[in-house]
Amino acid sequence: MSNVTPSSVPAGWYPDPAGTPRQRWWDGGAWTEHYNEVPVAAAAQPAAQQAYAGAQQPYSYAAAGQELKAPEGIPVYNIWIWLVVGLPILSTIISYATTDWSNFATAAGPTNGTLLLGALSWVFYGLSVFFAYRDYKTLIGLGVPRPFHWAWAFLSIVYVIGRSVVVRRRTGHGILPMWIAIAYIALSVVFAIFIMVVVASSVISQLPGR
């Protein structure tokens, strides 16, 4: 029975996977919308059938009803997650530090510096995805069940937030990377607004008649 698939569970009345006191009809391939409103009917099932239903309940419902917890005391932070968090910050610092703000408002097009920064940002993006993959594998190796998937790193901060929330649920802590990422975004927005105001003021001051 180790190779039993959901489709091999025989049709019949089984405990509602949603957790209600009712029973729900399994047609052999999927749950239907038919319910048995008489909970005592479960007691009439042979003990072997009830045990079979509990052991072979379709995986999507059985997994949803389980509380996934990691072993106590495992480290939830590692070098990979801090690299994922830190790379966008480092990229922003490099970008602002190498920008010629004196000519920013009058620049006619991309310069060699801006093209280099663009290429560097793509390198950092690829590294972030790789580091997220390593972080995901590290969490699995430590015993964290079903951690947030590394592929969400393609959406940048989504991985950091999702990873923090899931690890917090599994271990009870590990939320710090999310707060750092949110603080970085908030500060980036504030600084971007400040830069736009300064640039707009510079452009207006250079208009004829000013």
N, C-alpha and C. Protein backbone atom coordinates (compact mmCIF):
# COMPACT_ATOMS: atom_id res chain seq x y z
N MET A 1 0.81 -1.21 0.00
CA MET A 1 0.00 0.00 0.00
C MET A 1 0.85 1.26 0.00
N SER A 2 2.16 1.11 -0.05
CA SER A 2 3.02 2.29 -0.03
C SER A 2 2.93 3.08 -1.31
N ASN A 3 2.44 2.42 -2.41
CA ASN A 3 2.34 3.11 -3.70
C ASN A 3 0.93 3.52 -4.02
N VAL A 4 0.07 3.57 -3.00
CA VAL A 4 -1.33 3.91 -3.23
C VAL A 4 -1.44 5.37 -3.64
N THR A 5 -2.18 5.64 -4.69
CA THR A 5 -2.42 7.00 -5.15
C THR A 5 -3.83 7.40 -4.77
N PRO A 6 -4.18 8.71 -4.79
CA PRO A 6 -5.51 9.15 -4.41
C PRO A 6 -6.60 8.45 -5.20
N SER A 7 -6.36 8.13 -6.48
CA SER A 7 -7.40 7.53 -7.30
C SER A 7 -7.69 6.09 -6.88
N SER A 8 -6.80 5.47 -6.07
CA SER A 8 -7.02 4.09 -5.66
C SER A 8 -7.86 4.00 -4.39
N VAL A 9 -8.20 5.13 -3.78
CA VAL A 9 -9.07 5.11 -2.60
C VAL A 9 -10.48 4.78 -3.06
N PRO A 10 -11.11 3.76 -2.52
CA PRO A 10 -12.44 3.37 -3.00
C PRO A 10 -13.48 4.43 -2.69
N ALA A 11 -14.51 4.49 -3.54
CA ALA A 11 -15.61 5.43 -3.31
C ALA A 11 -16.32 5.09 -2.01
N GLY A 12 -16.79 6.11 -1.34
CA GLY A 12 -17.52 5.89 -0.09
C GLY A 12 -17.61 7.15 0.72
N TRP A 13 -18.28 7.03 1.89
CA TRP A 13 -18.41 8.16 2.81
C TRP A 13 -17.18 8.19 3.72
N TYR A 14 -16.56 9.37 3.80
CA TYR A 14 -15.39 9.54 4.65
C TYR A 14 -15.54 10.84 5.44
N PRO A 15 -14.77 10.98 6.52
CA PRO A 15 -14.82 12.26 7.27
C PRO A 15 -14.53 13.44 6.36
N ASP A 16 -15.31 14.50 6.54
CA ASP A 16 -15.14 15.70 5.71
C ASP A 16 -13.74 16.26 5.90
N PRO A 17 -12.91 16.37 4.84
CA PRO A 17 -11.55 16.90 4.99
C PRO A 17 -11.52 18.36 5.43
N ALA A 18 -12.67 19.05 5.33
CA ALA A 18 -12.72 20.44 5.80
C ALA A 18 -12.82 20.53 7.31
N GLY A 19 -13.02 19.39 7.97
CA GLY A 19 -13.05 19.38 9.43
C GLY A 19 -14.42 19.49 10.05
N THR A 20 -15.48 19.49 9.25
CA THR A 20 -16.83 19.56 9.80
C THR A 20 -17.23 18.20 10.35
N PRO A 21 -18.28 18.14 11.21
CA PRO A 21 -18.71 16.84 11.76
C PRO A 21 -19.42 15.96 10.75
N ARG A 22 -19.62 16.45 9.53
CA ARG A 22 -20.34 15.67 8.53
C ARG A 22 -19.38 14.70 7.83
N GLN A 23 -19.98 13.85 7.00
CA GLN A 23 -19.21 13.01 6.12
C GLN A 23 -19.39 13.50 4.69
N ARG A 24 -18.37 13.24 3.86
CA ARG A 24 -18.42 13.69 2.48
C ARG A 24 -18.16 12.51 1.55
N TRP A 25 -18.82 12.54 0.38
CA TRP A 25 -18.71 11.42 -0.54
C TRP A 25 -17.50 11.55 -1.43
N TRP A 26 -16.65 10.52 -1.41
CA TRP A 26 -15.47 10.40 -2.28
C TRP A 26 -15.85 9.44 -3.39
N ASP A 27 -15.84 9.93 -4.66
CA ASP A 27 -16.32 9.10 -5.76
C ASP A 27 -15.23 8.20 -6.36
N GLY A 28 -14.11 8.14 -5.69
CA GLY A 28 -13.01 7.31 -6.19
C GLY A 28 -11.94 8.11 -6.90
N GLY A 29 -12.26 9.37 -7.25
CA GLY A 29 -11.28 10.21 -7.93
C GLY A 29 -11.25 11.63 -7.41
N ALA A 30 -12.34 12.08 -6.77
CA ALA A 30 -12.40 13.45 -6.25
C ALA A 30 -13.53 13.53 -5.24
N TRP A 31 -13.49 14.56 -4.39
CA TRP A 31 -14.57 14.82 -3.45
C TRP A 31 -15.75 15.44 -4.20
N THR A 32 -16.95 14.97 -3.88
CA THR A 32 -18.16 15.55 -4.48
C THR A 32 -18.78 16.54 -3.50
N GLU A 33 -19.88 17.13 -3.89
CA GLU A 33 -20.58 18.08 -3.02
C GLU A 33 -21.71 17.40 -2.24
N HIS A 34 -21.65 16.09 -2.10
CA HIS A 34 -22.65 15.35 -1.34
C HIS A 34 -22.15 15.11 0.09
N TYR A 35 -22.99 15.45 1.05
CA TYR A 35 -22.62 15.32 2.45
C TYR A 35 -23.62 14.43 3.18
N ASN A 36 -23.13 13.75 4.18
CA ASN A 36 -23.97 12.94 5.04
C ASN A 36 -24.14 13.70 6.35
N GLU A 37 -25.37 14.13 6.63
CA GLU A 37 -25.63 14.96 7.80
C GLU A 37 -25.79 14.15 9.07
N VAL A 38 -25.57 12.84 9.02
CA VAL A 38 -25.75 11.98 10.20
C VAL A 38 -24.37 11.51 10.66
N PRO A 39 -23.73 12.25 11.58
CA PRO A 39 -22.38 11.88 12.00
C PRO A 39 -22.28 10.49 12.57
N VAL A 40 -23.36 9.97 13.17
CA VAL A 40 -23.27 8.67 13.82
C VAL A 40 -23.05 7.57 12.81
N ALA A 41 -23.26 7.86 11.53
CA ALA A 41 -23.05 6.83 10.52
C ALA A 41 -21.59 6.40 10.47
N ALA A 42 -20.70 7.28 10.90
CA ALA A 42 -19.29 6.93 10.89
C ALA A 42 -18.99 5.79 11.84
N ALA A 43 -19.75 5.75 12.94
CA ALA A 43 -19.52 4.69 13.92
C ALA A 43 -19.90 3.33 13.37
N ALA A 44 -20.80 3.33 12.36
CA ALA A 44 -21.24 2.06 11.79
C ALA A 44 -20.24 1.49 10.80
N GLN A 45 -19.27 2.29 10.38
CA GLN A 45 -18.27 1.79 9.45
C GLN A 45 -17.39 0.75 10.14
N PRO A 46 -17.00 -0.26 9.45
CA PRO A 46 -16.04 -1.20 10.04
C PRO A 46 -14.77 -0.48 10.44
N ALA A 47 -14.16 -0.92 11.51
CA ALA A 47 -12.94 -0.27 12.01
C ALA A 47 -11.86 -0.26 10.95
N ALA A 48 -11.76 -1.34 10.17
CA ALA A 48 -10.73 -1.41 9.13
C ALA A 48 -10.95 -0.35 8.08
N GLN A 49 -12.25 -0.09 7.71
CA GLN A 49 -12.53 0.91 6.69
C GLN A 49 -12.19 2.30 7.19
N GLN A 50 -12.50 2.58 8.49
CA GLN A 50 -12.17 3.89 9.04
C GLN A 50 -10.66 4.10 9.06
N ALA A 51 -9.91 3.06 9.44
CA ALA A 51 -8.45 3.19 9.46
C ALA A 51 -7.91 3.40 8.06
N TYR A 52 -8.49 2.69 7.09
CA TYR A 52 -8.06 2.86 5.70
C TYR A 52 -8.33 4.26 5.21
N ALA A 53 -9.51 4.80 5.59
CA ALA A 53 -9.86 6.16 5.16
C ALA A 53 -8.90 7.17 5.73
N GLY A 54 -8.52 6.98 7.01
CA GLY A 54 -7.61 7.93 7.63
C GLY A 54 -6.23 7.87 7.04
N ALA A 55 -5.78 6.65 6.70
CA ALA A 55 -4.42 6.50 6.18
C ALA A 55 -4.31 6.88 4.73
N GLN A 56 -5.39 6.67 3.94
CA GLN A 56 -5.32 6.85 2.51
C GLN A 56 -6.14 8.03 2.01
N GLN A 57 -6.49 8.96 2.90
CA GLN A 57 -7.27 10.12 2.48
C GLN A 57 -6.49 10.88 1.41
N PRO A 58 -7.15 11.39 0.37
CA PRO A 58 -6.45 12.09 -0.71
C PRO A 58 -5.46 13.11 -0.17
N TYR A 59 -4.27 13.14 -0.76
CA TYR A 59 -3.14 13.88 -0.21
C TYR A 59 -3.40 15.36 -0.05
N SER A 60 -4.14 15.98 -0.97
CA SER A 60 -4.33 17.43 -0.91
C SER A 60 -5.08 17.84 0.34
N TYR A 61 -6.02 17.01 0.78
CA TYR A 61 -6.79 17.33 1.97
C TYR A 61 -6.06 16.88 3.23
N ALA A 62 -5.42 15.74 3.16
CA ALA A 62 -4.71 15.25 4.33
C ALA A 62 -3.59 16.20 4.72
N ALA A 63 -2.83 16.67 3.72
CA ALA A 63 -1.72 17.57 4.00
C ALA A 63 -2.21 18.89 4.55
N ALA A 64 -3.38 19.35 4.06
CA ALA A 64 -3.90 20.63 4.53
C ALA A 64 -4.29 20.56 5.99
N GLY A 65 -4.67 19.39 6.45
CA GLY A 65 -5.11 19.26 7.83
C GLY A 65 -3.97 19.03 8.80
N GLN A 66 -2.77 18.86 8.33
CA GLN A 66 -1.64 18.61 9.19
C GLN A 66 -0.96 19.91 9.58
N GLU A 67 -0.50 19.97 10.81
CA GLU A 67 0.25 21.14 11.26
C GLU A 67 1.72 20.86 11.03
N LEU A 68 2.33 21.60 10.11
CA LEU A 68 3.72 21.37 9.75
C LEU A 68 4.62 22.14 10.70
N LYS A 69 5.47 21.43 11.39
CA LYS A 69 6.39 22.04 12.33
C LYS A 69 7.80 21.53 12.10
N ALA A 70 8.77 22.43 12.27
CA ALA A 70 10.18 22.05 12.15
C ALA A 70 10.69 21.59 13.51
N PRO A 71 11.80 20.86 13.53
CA PRO A 71 12.40 20.45 14.81
C PRO A 71 12.74 21.67 15.67
N GLU A 72 12.64 21.49 16.97
CA GLU A 72 12.93 22.58 17.89
C GLU A 72 14.40 22.99 17.81
N GLY A 73 14.62 24.30 17.87
CA GLY A 73 15.97 24.82 18.00
C GLY A 73 16.79 24.88 16.73
N ILE A 74 16.21 24.63 15.56
CA ILE A 74 17.01 24.70 14.34
C ILE A 74 17.29 26.16 13.99
N PRO A 75 18.44 26.46 13.39
CA PRO A 75 18.74 27.84 12.98
C PRO A 75 17.92 28.24 11.76
N VAL A 76 17.20 29.34 11.87
CA VAL A 76 16.35 29.77 10.76
C VAL A 76 17.04 30.80 9.87
N TYR A 77 18.18 31.33 10.30
CA TYR A 77 18.93 32.29 9.50
C TYR A 77 20.22 31.64 9.01
N ASN A 78 20.58 31.97 7.79
CA ASN A 78 21.83 31.48 7.23
C ASN A 78 22.40 32.54 6.29
N ILE A 79 23.59 32.32 5.81
CA ILE A 79 24.26 33.31 4.96
C ILE A 79 23.47 33.59 3.70
N TRP A 80 22.74 32.57 3.18
CA TRP A 80 22.04 32.73 1.91
C TRP A 80 20.89 33.72 2.00
N ILE A 81 20.11 33.64 3.07
CA ILE A 81 18.98 34.56 3.18
C ILE A 81 19.47 35.99 3.40
N TRP A 82 20.59 36.14 4.11
CA TRP A 82 21.10 37.51 4.31
C TRP A 82 21.66 38.07 3.00
N LEU A 83 22.20 37.20 2.15
CA LEU A 83 22.64 37.67 0.84
C LEU A 83 21.45 38.08 -0.03
N VAL A 84 20.37 37.31 0.04
CA VAL A 84 19.17 37.67 -0.71
C VAL A 84 18.64 39.03 -0.25
N VAL A 85 18.65 39.26 1.05
CA VAL A 85 18.17 40.54 1.60
C VAL A 85 19.14 41.66 1.27
N GLY A 86 20.43 41.38 1.33
CA GLY A 86 21.42 42.45 1.21
C GLY A 86 21.75 42.88 -0.20
N LEU A 87 21.57 42.00 -1.19
CA LEU A 87 21.95 42.36 -2.57
C LEU A 87 21.17 43.57 -3.11
N PRO A 88 19.85 43.64 -2.94
CA PRO A 88 19.14 44.84 -3.42
C PRO A 88 19.63 46.11 -2.74
N ILE A 89 19.93 46.01 -1.46
CA ILE A 89 20.43 47.19 -0.73
C ILE A 89 21.78 47.60 -1.29
N LEU A 90 22.66 46.63 -1.52
CA LEU A 90 23.98 46.94 -2.08
C LEU A 90 23.85 47.52 -3.48
N SER A 91 22.95 46.98 -4.28
CA SER A 91 22.75 47.50 -5.63
C SER A 91 22.28 48.95 -5.61
N THR A 92 21.37 49.27 -4.69
CA THR A 92 20.87 50.65 -4.58
C THR A 92 21.98 51.60 -4.14
N ILE A 93 22.78 51.17 -3.18
CA ILE A 93 23.88 52.02 -2.69
C ILE A 93 24.87 52.31 -3.82
N ILE A 94 25.22 51.26 -4.58
CA ILE A 94 26.16 51.46 -5.70
C ILE A 94 25.56 52.39 -6.75
N SER A 95 24.28 52.22 -7.03
CA SER A 95 23.61 53.05 -8.03
C SER A 95 23.62 54.53 -7.64
N TYR A 96 23.24 54.80 -6.40
CA TYR A 96 23.20 56.20 -5.95
C TYR A 96 24.60 56.79 -5.81
N ALA A 97 25.56 55.96 -5.39
CA ALA A 97 26.91 56.46 -5.16
C ALA A 97 27.64 56.78 -6.46
N THR A 98 27.27 56.13 -7.55
CA THR A 98 27.97 56.33 -8.83
C THR A 98 27.21 57.23 -9.80
N THR A 99 26.07 57.72 -9.40
CA THR A 99 25.30 58.60 -10.28
C THR A 99 25.82 60.03 -10.19
N ASP A 100 25.98 60.65 -11.34
CA ASP A 100 26.41 62.05 -11.39
C ASP A 100 25.16 62.93 -11.25
N TRP A 101 24.85 63.26 -10.02
CA TRP A 101 23.61 64.01 -9.76
C TRP A 101 23.67 65.43 -10.32
N SER A 102 24.86 65.97 -10.51
CA SER A 102 24.97 67.33 -11.04
C SER A 102 24.46 67.42 -12.48
N ASN A 103 24.61 66.31 -13.24
CA ASN A 103 24.14 66.31 -14.63
C ASN A 103 22.91 65.43 -14.84
N PHE A 104 22.34 64.96 -13.75
CA PHE A 104 21.23 64.01 -13.87
C PHE A 104 20.04 64.63 -14.59
N ALA A 105 19.73 65.86 -14.26
CA ALA A 105 18.53 66.50 -14.83
C ALA A 105 18.71 66.84 -16.30
N THR A 106 19.97 67.01 -16.77
CA THR A 106 20.19 67.43 -18.16
C THR A 106 20.72 66.31 -19.04
N ALA A 107 20.86 65.11 -18.48
CA ALA A 107 21.40 64.00 -19.27
C ALA A 107 20.48 63.69 -20.44
N ALA A 108 21.08 63.61 -21.64
CA ALA A 108 20.28 63.40 -22.84
C ALA A 108 19.95 61.94 -23.08
N GLY A 109 20.68 61.05 -22.51
CA GLY A 109 20.45 59.62 -22.73
C GLY A 109 21.34 58.79 -21.84
N PRO A 110 21.31 57.48 -22.01
CA PRO A 110 22.13 56.61 -21.16
C PRO A 110 23.61 56.80 -21.42
N THR A 111 24.38 56.74 -20.38
CA THR A 111 25.82 56.86 -20.46
C THR A 111 26.44 55.49 -20.21
N ASN A 112 27.76 55.43 -20.36
CA ASN A 112 28.44 54.16 -20.08
C ASN A 112 28.24 53.73 -18.63
N GLY A 113 28.18 54.73 -17.75
CA GLY A 113 27.97 54.42 -16.34
C GLY A 113 26.62 53.81 -16.08
N THR A 114 25.57 54.38 -16.70
CA THR A 114 24.23 53.85 -16.48
C THR A 114 24.06 52.47 -17.12
N LEU A 115 24.71 52.27 -18.27
CA LEU A 115 24.65 50.95 -18.90
C LEU A 115 25.34 49.90 -18.03
N LEU A 116 26.46 50.27 -17.42
CA LEU A 116 27.17 49.35 -16.55
C LEU A 116 26.34 49.01 -15.32
N LEU A 117 25.68 50.03 -14.77
CA LEU A 117 24.82 49.80 -13.61
C LEU A 117 23.65 48.89 -13.98
N GLY A 118 23.13 49.05 -15.18
CA GLY A 118 22.04 48.19 -15.62
C GLY A 118 22.47 46.74 -15.72
N ALA A 119 23.67 46.54 -16.28
CA ALA A 119 24.19 45.17 -16.37
C ALA A 119 24.46 44.59 -14.99
N LEU A 120 24.98 45.44 -14.09
CA LEU A 120 25.27 44.97 -12.73
C LEU A 120 23.99 44.59 -12.00
N SER A 121 22.92 45.33 -12.24
CA SER A 121 21.66 45.02 -11.57
C SER A 121 21.14 43.64 -12.00
N TRP A 122 21.36 43.28 -13.28
CA TRP A 122 20.93 41.96 -13.74
C TRP A 122 21.79 40.85 -13.11
N VAL A 123 23.07 41.14 -12.92
CA VAL A 123 23.94 40.17 -12.24
C VAL A 123 23.46 39.94 -10.81
N PHE A 124 23.14 41.04 -10.12
CA PHE A 124 22.64 40.94 -8.75
C PHE A 124 21.31 40.18 -8.71
N TYR A 125 20.48 40.42 -9.71
CA TYR A 125 19.19 39.73 -9.78
C TYR A 125 19.39 38.21 -9.90
N GLY A 126 20.29 37.80 -10.79
CA GLY A 126 20.57 36.38 -10.94
C GLY A 126 21.16 35.77 -9.69
N LEU A 127 22.05 36.50 -9.03
CA LEU A 127 22.63 36.01 -7.78
C LEU A 127 21.57 35.85 -6.70
N SER A 128 20.62 36.78 -6.65
CA SER A 128 19.54 36.70 -5.66
C SER A 128 18.73 35.41 -5.83
N VAL A 129 18.45 35.07 -7.07
CA VAL A 129 17.69 33.83 -7.34
C VAL A 129 18.52 32.62 -6.90
N PHE A 130 19.80 32.62 -7.22
CA PHE A 130 20.67 31.50 -6.83
C PHE A 130 20.76 31.38 -5.32
N PHE A 131 20.93 32.51 -4.63
CA PHE A 131 21.03 32.48 -3.18
C PHE A 131 19.71 32.02 -2.54
N ALA A 132 18.59 32.40 -3.15
CA ALA A 132 17.29 31.93 -2.64
C ALA A 132 17.19 30.41 -2.77
N TYR A 133 17.68 29.88 -3.88
CA TYR A 133 17.70 28.43 -4.08
C TYR A 133 18.54 27.75 -3.00
N ARG A 134 19.70 28.31 -2.71
CA ARG A 134 20.56 27.73 -1.68
C ARG A 134 19.90 27.82 -0.31
N ASP A 135 19.24 28.92 -0.05
CA ASP A 135 18.53 29.07 1.23
C ASP A 135 17.43 28.03 1.36
N TYR A 136 16.67 27.83 0.29
CA TYR A 136 15.59 26.85 0.26
C TYR A 136 16.12 25.45 0.56
N LYS A 137 17.22 25.08 -0.10
CA LYS A 137 17.81 23.77 0.12
C LYS A 137 18.34 23.63 1.54
N THR A 138 18.89 24.70 2.08
CA THR A 138 19.41 24.66 3.46
C THR A 138 18.28 24.43 4.45
N LEU A 139 17.15 25.11 4.26
CA LEU A 139 16.02 24.93 5.16
C LEU A 139 15.50 23.49 5.10
N ILE A 140 15.43 22.93 3.91
CA ILE A 140 14.99 21.54 3.78
C ILE A 140 15.96 20.61 4.51
N GLY A 141 17.26 20.86 4.34
CA GLY A 141 18.25 20.03 5.00
C GLY A 141 18.19 20.10 6.51
N LEU A 142 17.74 21.23 7.03
CA LEU A 142 17.62 21.39 8.49
C LEU A 142 16.33 20.77 9.04
N GLY A 143 15.43 20.40 8.14
CA GLY A 143 14.20 19.76 8.59
C GLY A 143 12.97 20.63 8.58
N VAL A 144 13.04 21.80 7.91
CA VAL A 144 11.86 22.65 7.80
C VAL A 144 10.93 22.06 6.73
N PRO A 145 9.72 21.66 7.10
CA PRO A 145 8.83 21.03 6.11
C PRO A 145 8.22 22.06 5.16
N ARG A 146 8.29 21.78 3.88
CA ARG A 146 7.68 22.59 2.84
C ARG A 146 7.97 24.08 3.01
N PRO A 147 9.23 24.49 2.97
CA PRO A 147 9.54 25.93 3.04
C PRO A 147 9.05 26.65 1.80
N PHE A 148 9.01 27.97 1.87
CA PHE A 148 8.56 28.80 0.75
C PHE A 148 9.49 28.54 -0.43
N HIS A 149 8.90 28.31 -1.60
CA HIS A 149 9.71 27.86 -2.75
C HIS A 149 10.63 28.97 -3.26
N TRP A 150 11.82 28.56 -3.62
CA TRP A 150 12.85 29.52 -4.05
C TRP A 150 12.48 30.23 -5.34
N ALA A 151 11.64 29.62 -6.19
CA ALA A 151 11.31 30.23 -7.48
C ALA A 151 10.63 31.59 -7.33
N TRP A 152 10.04 31.85 -6.16
CA TRP A 152 9.43 33.17 -5.94
C TRP A 152 10.49 34.27 -5.92
N ALA A 153 11.75 33.90 -5.85
CA ALA A 153 12.82 34.91 -5.88
C ALA A 153 12.84 35.65 -7.21
N PHE A 154 12.25 35.06 -8.26
CA PHE A 154 12.17 35.78 -9.54
C PHE A 154 11.31 37.03 -9.41
N LEU A 155 10.46 37.09 -8.37
CA LEU A 155 9.66 38.27 -8.09
C LEU A 155 10.28 39.11 -6.98
N SER A 156 11.56 38.96 -6.81
CA SER A 156 12.35 39.78 -5.89
C SER A 156 11.89 39.63 -4.45
N ILE A 157 11.33 40.69 -3.85
CA ILE A 157 11.03 40.72 -2.42
C ILE A 157 9.98 39.70 -2.02
N VAL A 158 9.23 39.17 -2.97
CA VAL A 158 8.19 38.20 -2.63
C VAL A 158 8.78 37.00 -1.91
N TYR A 159 9.96 36.56 -2.34
CA TYR A 159 10.57 35.40 -1.68
C TYR A 159 10.91 35.72 -0.23
N VAL A 160 11.49 36.87 0.02
CA VAL A 160 11.89 37.22 1.38
C VAL A 160 10.68 37.27 2.30
N ILE A 161 9.58 37.88 1.84
CA ILE A 161 8.38 37.98 2.67
C ILE A 161 7.76 36.60 2.88
N GLY A 162 7.59 35.85 1.79
CA GLY A 162 6.98 34.53 1.90
C GLY A 162 7.82 33.59 2.74
N ARG A 163 9.11 33.64 2.55
CA ARG A 163 10.01 32.78 3.32
C ARG A 163 9.91 33.09 4.80
N SER A 164 9.89 34.37 5.15
CA SER A 164 9.81 34.76 6.55
C SER A 164 8.52 34.29 7.19
N VAL A 165 7.40 34.46 6.48
CA VAL A 165 6.10 34.08 7.03
C VAL A 165 6.03 32.57 7.24
N VAL A 166 6.47 31.80 6.24
CA VAL A 166 6.39 30.34 6.33
C VAL A 166 7.32 29.81 7.42
N VAL A 167 8.54 30.32 7.48
CA VAL A 167 9.48 29.88 8.52
C VAL A 167 8.94 30.23 9.91
N ARG A 168 8.30 31.38 10.01
CA ARG A 168 7.71 31.76 11.30
C ARG A 168 6.63 30.76 11.72
N ARG A 169 5.83 30.32 10.76
CA ARG A 169 4.79 29.34 11.07
C ARG A 169 5.39 27.99 11.46
N ARG A 170 6.50 27.62 10.82
CA ARG A 170 7.08 26.30 11.07
C ARG A 170 7.90 26.26 12.36
N THR A 171 8.53 27.39 12.72
CA THR A 171 9.47 27.37 13.84
C THR A 171 9.11 28.32 14.97
N GLY A 172 8.23 29.30 14.70
CA GLY A 172 7.89 30.27 15.73
C GLY A 172 8.71 31.54 15.68
N HIS A 173 9.72 31.58 14.83
CA HIS A 173 10.53 32.79 14.66
C HIS A 173 11.13 32.79 13.26
N GLY A 174 11.88 33.86 12.94
CA GLY A 174 12.47 33.95 11.61
C GLY A 174 11.87 35.03 10.74
N ILE A 175 11.25 36.04 11.35
CA ILE A 175 10.54 37.08 10.59
C ILE A 175 11.43 38.27 10.25
N LEU A 176 12.63 38.35 10.81
CA LEU A 176 13.48 39.54 10.66
C LEU A 176 13.78 39.89 9.20
N PRO A 177 14.11 38.96 8.31
CA PRO A 177 14.39 39.35 6.92
C PRO A 177 13.24 40.12 6.28
N MET A 178 12.02 39.77 6.61
CA MET A 178 10.88 40.47 6.03
C MET A 178 10.85 41.94 6.47
N TRP A 179 11.08 42.19 7.75
CA TRP A 179 11.05 43.57 8.23
C TRP A 179 12.18 44.40 7.64
N ILE A 180 13.34 43.79 7.45
CA ILE A 180 14.45 44.52 6.82
C ILE A 180 14.10 44.86 5.38
N ALA A 181 13.52 43.92 4.66
CA ALA A 181 13.15 44.16 3.26
C ALA A 181 12.08 45.24 3.16
N ILE A 182 11.10 45.22 4.05
CA ILE A 182 10.04 46.23 4.03
C ILE A 182 10.61 47.60 4.36
N ALA A 183 11.51 47.66 5.34
CA ALA A 183 12.15 48.94 5.68
C ALA A 183 12.96 49.47 4.50
N TYR A 184 13.64 48.58 3.79
CA TYR A 184 14.42 48.99 2.61
C TYR A 184 13.51 49.59 1.53
N ILE A 185 12.37 48.94 1.29
CA ILE A 185 11.44 49.43 0.27
C ILE A 185 10.89 50.80 0.67
N ALA A 186 10.52 50.94 1.94
CA ALA A 186 9.97 52.21 2.41
C ALA A 186 10.99 53.34 2.26
N LEU A 187 12.22 53.08 2.66
CA LEU A 187 13.26 54.10 2.53
C LEU A 187 13.57 54.40 1.06
N SER A 188 13.52 53.39 0.22
CA SER A 188 13.78 53.60 -1.21
C SER A 188 12.71 54.49 -1.83
N VAL A 189 11.46 54.28 -1.44
CA VAL A 189 10.37 55.11 -1.96
C VAL A 189 10.53 56.55 -1.51
N VAL A 190 10.85 56.73 -0.23
CA VAL A 190 11.03 58.09 0.30
C VAL A 190 12.19 58.78 -0.42
N PHE A 191 13.30 58.09 -0.60
CA PHE A 191 14.45 58.69 -1.26
C PHE A 191 14.17 58.97 -2.72
N ALA A 192 13.44 58.08 -3.38
CA ALA A 192 13.10 58.31 -4.79
C ALA A 192 12.23 59.55 -4.95
N ILE A 193 11.28 59.73 -4.04
CA ILE A 193 10.44 60.93 -4.07
C ILE A 193 11.29 62.19 -3.87
N PHE A 194 12.23 62.10 -2.94
CA PHE A 194 13.12 63.24 -2.68
C PHE A 194 13.93 63.58 -3.93
N ILE A 195 14.47 62.56 -4.60
CA ILE A 195 15.26 62.78 -5.81
C ILE A 195 14.40 63.42 -6.90
N MET A 196 13.17 62.95 -7.07
CA MET A 196 12.29 63.51 -8.09
C MET A 196 11.98 64.97 -7.81
N VAL A 197 11.79 65.32 -6.55
CA VAL A 197 11.52 66.71 -6.19
C VAL A 197 12.74 67.58 -6.49
N VAL A 198 13.93 67.08 -6.14
CA VAL A 198 15.15 67.85 -6.40
C VAL A 198 15.36 68.03 -7.89
N VAL A 199 15.18 66.97 -8.67
CA VAL A 199 15.37 67.05 -10.12
C VAL A 199 14.35 67.99 -10.74
N ALA A 200 13.11 67.88 -10.31
CA ALA A 200 12.06 68.76 -10.85
C ALA A 200 12.37 70.22 -10.55
N SER A 201 12.84 70.49 -9.34
CA SER A 201 13.19 71.86 -8.98
C SER A 201 14.35 72.37 -9.82
N SER A 202 15.33 71.47 -10.11
CA SER A 202 16.47 71.86 -10.92
C SER A 202 16.04 72.18 -12.34
N VAL A 203 15.15 71.36 -12.91
CA VAL A 203 14.66 71.58 -14.27
C VAL A 203 13.88 72.88 -14.35
N ILE A 204 13.04 73.13 -13.37
CA ILE A 204 12.22 74.35 -13.38
C ILE A 204 13.10 75.59 -13.27
N SER A 205 14.16 75.50 -12.45
CA SER A 205 15.04 76.66 -12.26
C SER A 205 15.83 76.99 -13.53
N GLN A 206 15.97 76.02 -14.45
CA GLN A 206 16.71 76.25 -15.68
C GLN A 206 15.82 76.70 -16.85
N LEU A 207 14.53 76.78 -16.63
CA LEU A 207 13.64 77.22 -17.67
C LEU A 207 13.86 78.69 -17.99
N PRO A 208 13.65 79.11 -19.23
CA PRO A 208 13.83 80.53 -19.59
C PRO A 208 12.90 81.42 -18.75
N GLY A 209 13.41 82.52 -18.31
CA GLY A 209 12.62 83.46 -17.52
C GLY A 209 12.65 83.18 -16.05
N ARG A 210 13.37 82.13 -15.63
CA ARG A 210 13.45 81.84 -14.21
C ARG A 210 14.70 82.46 -13.63
